[in-house]
N, C-alpha and C. Protein backbone atom coordinates (compact mmCIF):
# COMPACT_ATOMS: atom_id res chain seq x y z
N MET A 1 0.89 -1.22 -0.03
CA MET A 1 -0.15 -0.03 -0.08
C MET A 1 1.11 1.27 -0.31
N ASN A 2 0.49 2.40 -0.71
CA ASN A 2 1.21 3.29 -0.93
C ASN A 2 0.82 4.76 -0.09
N ALA A 3 1.33 5.71 -0.03
CA ALA A 3 0.86 6.84 0.93
C ALA A 3 -0.44 7.30 0.84
N PHE A 4 -0.99 6.99 -0.14
CA PHE A 4 -2.31 7.26 -0.68
C PHE A 4 -3.68 6.08 -0.45
N GLY A 5 -2.94 4.87 0.50
CA GLY A 5 -3.71 3.98 0.63
C GLY A 5 -4.38 2.90 -0.58
N ILE A 6 -3.53 3.08 -1.91
CA ILE A 6 -3.95 2.42 -3.00
C ILE A 6 -2.84 1.49 -3.04
N GLN A 7 -3.52 0.07 -3.21
CA GLN A 7 -2.82 -1.21 -3.28
C GLN A 7 -1.92 -1.20 -4.61
N PRO A 8 -0.98 -1.86 -4.57
CA PRO A 8 0.01 -2.17 -5.61
C PRO A 8 -1.18 -2.75 -6.98
N GLN A 9 -0.69 -2.58 -8.11
CA GLN A 9 -1.59 -3.21 -9.07
C GLN A 9 -1.27 -4.78 -9.42
N SER A 10 -1.94 -5.75 -9.55
CA SER A 10 -1.78 -6.93 -10.02
C SER A 10 -1.48 -7.00 -11.23
N GLN A 11 -1.13 -8.21 -11.86
CA GLN A 11 -0.71 -8.31 -13.35
C GLN A 11 -1.74 -8.09 -14.11
N GLN A 12 -2.86 -8.63 -13.46
CA GLN A 12 -4.23 -8.60 -14.45
C GLN A 12 -4.72 -7.12 -14.27
N ASP A 13 -4.65 -6.25 -13.18
CA ASP A 13 -5.11 -4.88 -13.62
C ASP A 13 -4.16 -4.11 -14.55
N THR A 14 -2.71 -4.42 -14.44
CA THR A 14 -1.72 -3.77 -15.50
C THR A 14 -2.21 -4.10 -16.86
N LYS A 15 -2.56 -5.58 -17.25
CA LYS A 15 -2.74 -5.79 -18.41
C LYS A 15 -4.35 -5.09 -18.82
N LEU A 16 -5.12 -5.23 -17.93
CA LEU A 16 -6.37 -4.31 -18.28
C LEU A 16 -6.14 -2.86 -18.38
N LEU A 17 -5.48 -2.32 -17.79
CA LEU A 17 -4.96 -0.80 -17.94
C LEU A 17 -4.51 -0.75 -19.28
N GLU A 18 -3.45 -1.38 -19.68
CA GLU A 18 -2.67 -1.06 -21.11
C GLU A 18 -3.66 -1.55 -21.92
N ALA A 19 -4.74 -2.44 -22.15
CA ALA A 19 -5.55 -2.84 -23.17
C ALA A 19 -6.35 -1.40 -23.22
N LEU A 20 -6.85 -1.11 -21.99
CA LEU A 20 -7.56 0.30 -21.97
C LEU A 20 -6.98 1.44 -22.60
N ARG A 21 -5.82 1.50 -22.45
CA ARG A 21 -4.90 2.64 -22.68
C ARG A 21 -4.93 2.63 -24.32
N VAL A 22 -4.39 1.39 -24.90
CA VAL A 22 -4.43 1.32 -26.23
C VAL A 22 -5.61 1.59 -27.12
N THR A 23 -6.85 0.77 -26.35
CA THR A 23 -8.20 1.37 -27.45
C THR A 23 -8.45 2.66 -27.26
N MET A 24 -8.36 3.12 -26.16
CA MET A 24 -8.76 4.45 -25.84
C MET A 24 -7.56 5.55 -27.11
N THR A 25 -6.48 5.09 -27.13
CA THR A 25 -5.63 5.71 -28.12
C THR A 25 -5.70 5.73 -29.38
N GLU A 26 -6.53 4.20 -29.56
CA GLU A 26 -6.87 3.94 -31.29
C GLU A 26 -8.28 4.83 -31.61
N HIS A 27 -9.06 5.04 -30.85
CA HIS A 27 -10.17 5.42 -30.92
C HIS A 27 -10.34 7.01 -30.73
N LEU A 28 -9.93 7.49 -29.87
CA LEU A 28 -10.01 8.84 -29.09
C LEU A 28 -9.04 9.57 -30.09
N CYS A 29 -7.85 9.27 -30.30
CA CYS A 29 -6.74 10.07 -30.94
C CYS A 29 -6.98 10.19 -32.38
N ASP A 30 -8.05 9.63 -33.14
CA ASP A 30 -8.40 9.72 -34.52
C ASP A 30 -8.82 11.04 -34.64
N GLY A 31 -8.65 11.61 -35.73
CA GLY A 31 -8.86 13.20 -35.86
C GLY A 31 -10.52 13.23 -35.61
N THR A 32 -11.37 12.78 -36.07
CA THR A 32 -12.71 13.10 -35.86
C THR A 32 -13.44 12.71 -34.49
N GLN A 33 -12.73 11.82 -33.95
CA GLN A 33 -13.29 11.47 -32.45
C GLN A 33 -12.68 12.38 -31.45
N LEU A 34 -11.60 12.78 -31.52
CA LEU A 34 -11.01 14.08 -30.68
C LEU A 34 -11.52 15.27 -30.98
N ASP A 35 -11.68 15.66 -32.14
CA ASP A 35 -12.48 16.97 -32.47
C ASP A 35 -13.81 16.98 -31.69
N ALA A 36 -14.93 16.15 -31.75
CA ALA A 36 -15.90 15.85 -31.18
C ALA A 36 -15.75 15.85 -29.84
N LEU A 37 -14.87 15.19 -29.24
CA LEU A 37 -14.80 15.14 -27.42
C LEU A 37 -14.05 16.27 -27.01
N MET A 38 -13.22 17.29 -27.90
CA MET A 38 -12.88 18.53 -27.62
C MET A 38 -14.01 19.51 -27.42
N VAL A 39 -14.82 19.51 -28.57
CA VAL A 39 -15.67 20.64 -28.73
C VAL A 39 -16.74 20.18 -27.47
N SER A 40 -16.95 19.01 -27.29
CA SER A 40 -17.80 18.83 -26.04
C SER A 40 -17.00 19.41 -24.86
N PHE A 41 -15.99 18.85 -24.29
CA PHE A 41 -15.26 18.92 -23.37
C PHE A 41 -15.03 20.81 -23.12
N VAL A 42 -15.00 21.58 -24.27
CA VAL A 42 -14.63 22.89 -23.92
C VAL A 42 -15.96 23.44 -23.95
N ALA A 43 -17.35 23.05 -24.31
CA ALA A 43 -18.67 23.81 -24.01
C ALA A 43 -18.78 23.48 -22.54
N THR A 44 -18.54 22.11 -22.09
CA THR A 44 -18.95 21.88 -20.52
C THR A 44 -17.93 22.86 -19.71
N LEU A 45 -16.74 22.79 -19.86
CA LEU A 45 -15.93 23.91 -19.57
C LEU A 45 -16.44 25.25 -19.40
N LYS A 46 -16.52 26.07 -20.26
CA LYS A 46 -17.07 27.02 -20.36
C LYS A 46 -18.41 27.36 -19.52
N GLU A 47 -19.16 26.43 -19.48
CA GLU A 47 -20.23 26.47 -18.95
C GLU A 47 -20.13 26.16 -17.07
N GLN A 48 -19.12 25.34 -16.79
CA GLN A 48 -18.87 24.95 -15.29
C GLN A 48 -17.99 26.09 -14.72
N VAL A 49 -17.02 26.53 -15.33
CA VAL A 49 -15.75 27.39 -14.74
C VAL A 49 -16.46 28.51 -14.01
N PRO A 50 -17.55 29.35 -14.45
CA PRO A 50 -18.09 30.30 -13.70
C PRO A 50 -18.42 29.94 -12.03
N ASN A 51 -18.76 28.60 -12.09
CA ASN A 51 -19.51 28.21 -10.74
C ASN A 51 -18.31 27.45 -9.93
N LEU A 52 -16.85 27.50 -10.46
CA LEU A 52 -16.15 26.65 -9.67
C LEU A 52 -15.71 27.38 -8.33
N VAL A 53 -15.79 28.80 -8.08
CA VAL A 53 -15.57 29.54 -7.00
C VAL A 53 -16.89 30.42 -6.65
N SER A 54 -17.11 30.27 -5.32
CA SER A 54 -18.22 31.09 -5.05
C SER A 54 -17.79 32.63 -4.68
N PHE A 55 -16.75 32.74 -4.22
CA PHE A 55 -16.41 34.27 -3.94
C PHE A 55 -16.89 34.40 -2.76
N LEU A 56 -17.65 33.81 -1.71
CA LEU A 56 -18.26 34.00 -0.80
C LEU A 56 -17.21 33.68 0.49
N GLU A 57 -17.33 34.59 1.37
CA GLU A 57 -16.49 34.71 2.49
C GLU A 57 -16.82 33.57 3.64
N SER A 58 -18.14 33.37 3.64
CA SER A 58 -18.90 32.82 4.80
C SER A 58 -18.75 31.18 4.56
N GLU A 59 -18.15 30.36 5.35
CA GLU A 59 -17.92 29.09 5.06
C GLU A 59 -19.25 28.12 4.89
N VAL A 60 -20.17 28.78 5.35
CA VAL A 60 -21.69 28.04 5.28
C VAL A 60 -22.13 28.24 3.61
N ASP A 61 -21.57 29.14 3.05
CA ASP A 61 -22.19 29.51 1.69
C ASP A 61 -20.87 28.71 0.60
N GLN A 62 -19.91 28.33 1.17
CA GLN A 62 -18.82 27.88 0.27
C GLN A 62 -19.20 26.45 -0.19
N ALA A 63 -18.64 25.97 -1.37
CA ALA A 63 -18.62 24.82 -1.61
C ALA A 63 -17.95 23.81 -0.83
N PRO A 64 -17.97 22.45 -0.72
CA PRO A 64 -16.99 21.70 0.05
C PRO A 64 -15.43 21.61 -0.11
N TRP A 65 -15.26 21.78 -1.83
CA TRP A 65 -13.86 21.77 -1.77
C TRP A 65 -13.21 23.10 -1.38
N GLU A 66 -14.06 24.35 -1.29
CA GLU A 66 -13.83 25.54 -0.80
C GLU A 66 -13.14 25.56 0.49
N ARG A 67 -14.14 24.89 1.27
CA ARG A 67 -13.82 24.87 2.85
C ARG A 67 -12.64 24.02 3.02
N ALA A 68 -12.52 22.71 2.29
CA ALA A 68 -11.32 22.17 2.79
C ALA A 68 -10.12 22.72 2.32
N SER A 69 -10.22 23.51 1.24
CA SER A 69 -8.79 23.81 0.95
C SER A 69 -8.41 25.44 1.63
N ALA A 70 -9.36 26.05 2.39
CA ALA A 70 -9.22 27.33 3.22
C ALA A 70 -9.07 28.32 2.19
N VAL A 71 -10.15 28.36 1.10
CA VAL A 71 -10.08 29.61 0.55
C VAL A 71 -10.28 30.93 1.32
N ARG A 72 -9.37 31.68 0.82
CA ARG A 72 -9.60 32.92 1.20
C ARG A 72 -9.44 34.00 0.21
N HIS A 73 -9.71 35.41 0.62
CA HIS A 73 -9.70 36.50 -0.10
C HIS A 73 -8.47 37.41 0.14
N PRO A 74 -7.45 37.44 -0.81
CA PRO A 74 -6.01 38.41 -0.37
C PRO A 74 -6.89 39.77 0.10
N ILE A 75 -6.22 40.44 1.04
CA ILE A 75 -6.70 41.71 1.35
C ILE A 75 -6.51 42.58 0.31
N GLU A 76 -5.29 42.53 -0.30
CA GLU A 76 -5.18 43.50 -1.40
C GLU A 76 -5.54 43.02 -2.77
N CYS A 77 -6.41 41.99 -3.03
CA CYS A 77 -7.48 41.92 -3.93
C CYS A 77 -8.71 41.74 -3.62
N ARG A 78 -9.30 42.56 -2.73
CA ARG A 78 -10.65 42.58 -2.40
C ARG A 78 -11.65 42.75 -3.39
N ASN A 79 -11.19 43.87 -4.11
CA ASN A 79 -12.16 43.93 -5.51
C ASN A 79 -12.01 43.04 -6.38
N ASP A 80 -10.92 42.48 -6.80
CA ASP A 80 -11.01 41.60 -7.63
C ASP A 80 -11.77 40.38 -7.63
N ASP A 81 -11.66 39.28 -8.84
CA ASP A 81 -12.23 38.17 -8.55
C ASP A 81 -10.94 37.13 -8.31
N THR A 82 -10.29 37.36 -7.10
CA THR A 82 -9.31 36.67 -6.73
C THR A 82 -9.34 35.85 -5.52
N VAL A 83 -8.69 34.75 -5.39
CA VAL A 83 -9.01 33.82 -4.47
C VAL A 83 -7.71 32.82 -4.14
N GLU A 84 -7.22 32.64 -2.56
CA GLU A 84 -5.90 31.94 -2.68
C GLU A 84 -6.75 30.64 -2.10
N ALA A 85 -6.12 29.26 -2.65
CA ALA A 85 -6.54 27.93 -1.78
C ALA A 85 -5.60 27.28 -1.86
N ASP A 86 -5.57 26.39 -0.65
CA ASP A 86 -4.39 25.45 -0.66
C ASP A 86 -4.83 24.03 -0.88
N PHE A 87 -4.35 23.47 -2.13
CA PHE A 87 -4.77 22.19 -2.61
C PHE A 87 -4.05 21.14 -1.91
N LEU A 88 -2.93 21.49 -1.11
CA LEU A 88 -2.24 20.36 -0.52
C LEU A 88 -2.76 20.20 0.81
């Protein structure tokens, strides 16, 4: 077990992951599939990014990840859409 509590991979898991990687590479990396995937990804990203940070100082109103990462608004940036977060 490693520091994150993940068990070492068995040979069967390693073979399965390799087969999955090969399949994904063959099907997603061909131009048409990749283009469709990226269009969908970018559209979803544009839609969701504004909701990522609440910019609220009250922990009650913050998203769970904001509370866990100790999001704070720097004093020098109070009028900007800027936050500091600790992801570690």
